[in-house]
Amino acid sequence: MKRDLSLLFLAVIAALVLGGCNTMQGAGKDIQKAGEKIEDAAKR
């Protein structure tokens, strides 16, 4: 029983970490696009 709970806990943590990576990658792309638009506006 204790082993099953430990495995379940590790699986949940792994899912959260992997989901967080995708979220941060998406946020990074959004910030990069915003920065590019600011650069374009500054060049004009």
C-alpha atoms as a PDB file:
ATOM      1  CA  MET A   1       0.000   0.000   0.000  1.00  0.00           C
ATOM      2  CA  LYS A   2       2.756   2.433   0.942  1.00  0.00           C
ATOM      3  CA  ARG A   3       4.641   1.565  -2.244  1.00  0.00           C
ATOM      4  CA  ASP A   4       1.555   2.231  -4.369  1.00  0.00           C
ATOM      5  CA  LEU A   5       1.049   5.635  -2.793  1.00  0.00           C
ATOM      6  CA  SER A   6       4.698   6.503  -3.363  1.00  0.00           C
ATOM      7  CA  LEU A   7       4.468   5.560  -7.032  1.00  0.00           C
ATOM      8  CA  LEU A   8       1.268   7.543  -7.432  1.00  0.00           C
ATOM      9  CA  PHE A   9       2.885  10.560  -5.784  1.00  0.00           C
ATOM     10  CA  LEU A  10       5.916  10.336  -8.091  1.00  0.00           C
ATOM     11  CA  ALA A  11       3.676  10.039 -11.148  1.00  0.00           C
ATOM     12  CA  VAL A  12       1.720  13.146 -10.148  1.00  0.00           C
ATOM     13  CA  ILE A  13       4.924  15.125  -9.530  1.00  0.00           C
ATOM     14  CA  ALA A  14       6.339  14.020 -12.898  1.00  0.00           C
ATOM     15  CA  ALA A  15       3.148  15.103 -14.673  1.00  0.00           C
ATOM     16  CA  LEU A  16       3.237  18.513 -13.012  1.00  0.00           C
ATOM     17  CA  VAL A  17       6.891  19.057 -13.872  1.00  0.00           C
ATOM     18  CA  LEU A  18       6.420  18.062 -17.505  1.00  0.00           C
ATOM     19  CA  GLY A  19       3.314  20.210 -17.796  1.00  0.00           C
ATOM     20  CA  GLY A  20       5.189  23.132 -16.294  1.00  0.00           C
ATOM     21  CA  CYS A  21       7.941  22.818 -18.892  1.00  0.00           C
ATOM     22  CA  ASN A  22       5.441  23.127 -21.728  1.00  0.00           C
ATOM     23  CA  THR A  23       3.790  26.099 -20.060  1.00  0.00           C
ATOM     24  CA  MET A  24       7.089  27.918 -19.600  1.00  0.00           C
ATOM     25  CA  GLN A  25       8.103  27.182 -23.182  1.00  0.00           C
ATOM     26  CA  GLY A  26       4.843  28.676 -24.439  1.00  0.00           C
ATOM     27  CA  ALA A  27       5.240  31.730 -22.226  1.00  0.00           C
ATOM     28  CA  GLY A  28       8.787  32.190 -23.498  1.00  0.00           C
ATOM     29  CA  LYS A  29       7.591  32.159 -27.101  1.00  0.00           C
ATOM     30  CA  ASP A  30       4.889  34.726 -26.311  1.00  0.00           C
ATOM     31  CA  ILE A  31       7.401  37.016 -24.603  1.00  0.00           C
ATOM     32  CA  GLN A  32       9.804  36.650 -27.514  1.00  0.00           C
ATOM     33  CA  LYS A  33       7.085  37.627 -30.016  1.00  0.00           C
ATOM     34  CA  ALA A  34       6.159  40.652 -27.911  1.00  0.00           C
ATOM     35  CA  GLY A  35       9.818  41.693 -27.783  1.00  0.00           C
ATOM     36  CA  GLU A  36      10.110  41.420 -31.559  1.00  0.00           C
ATOM     37  CA  LYS A  37       7.064  43.657 -32.023  1.00  0.00           C
ATOM     38  CA  ILE A  38       8.546  46.238 -29.666  1.00  0.00           C
ATOM     39  CA  GLU A  39      11.816  46.155 -31.616  1.00  0.00           C
ATOM     40  CA  ASP A  40       9.969  46.630 -34.904  1.00  0.00           C
ATOM     41  CA  ALA A  41       8.053  49.590 -33.486  1.00  0.00           C
ATOM     42  CA  ALA A  42      11.266  51.156 -32.161  1.00  0.00           C
ATOM     43  CA  LYS A  43      12.948  50.841 -35.577  1.00  0.00           C
ATOM     44  CA  ARG A  44      10.132  52.807 -37.252  1.00  0.00           C
END
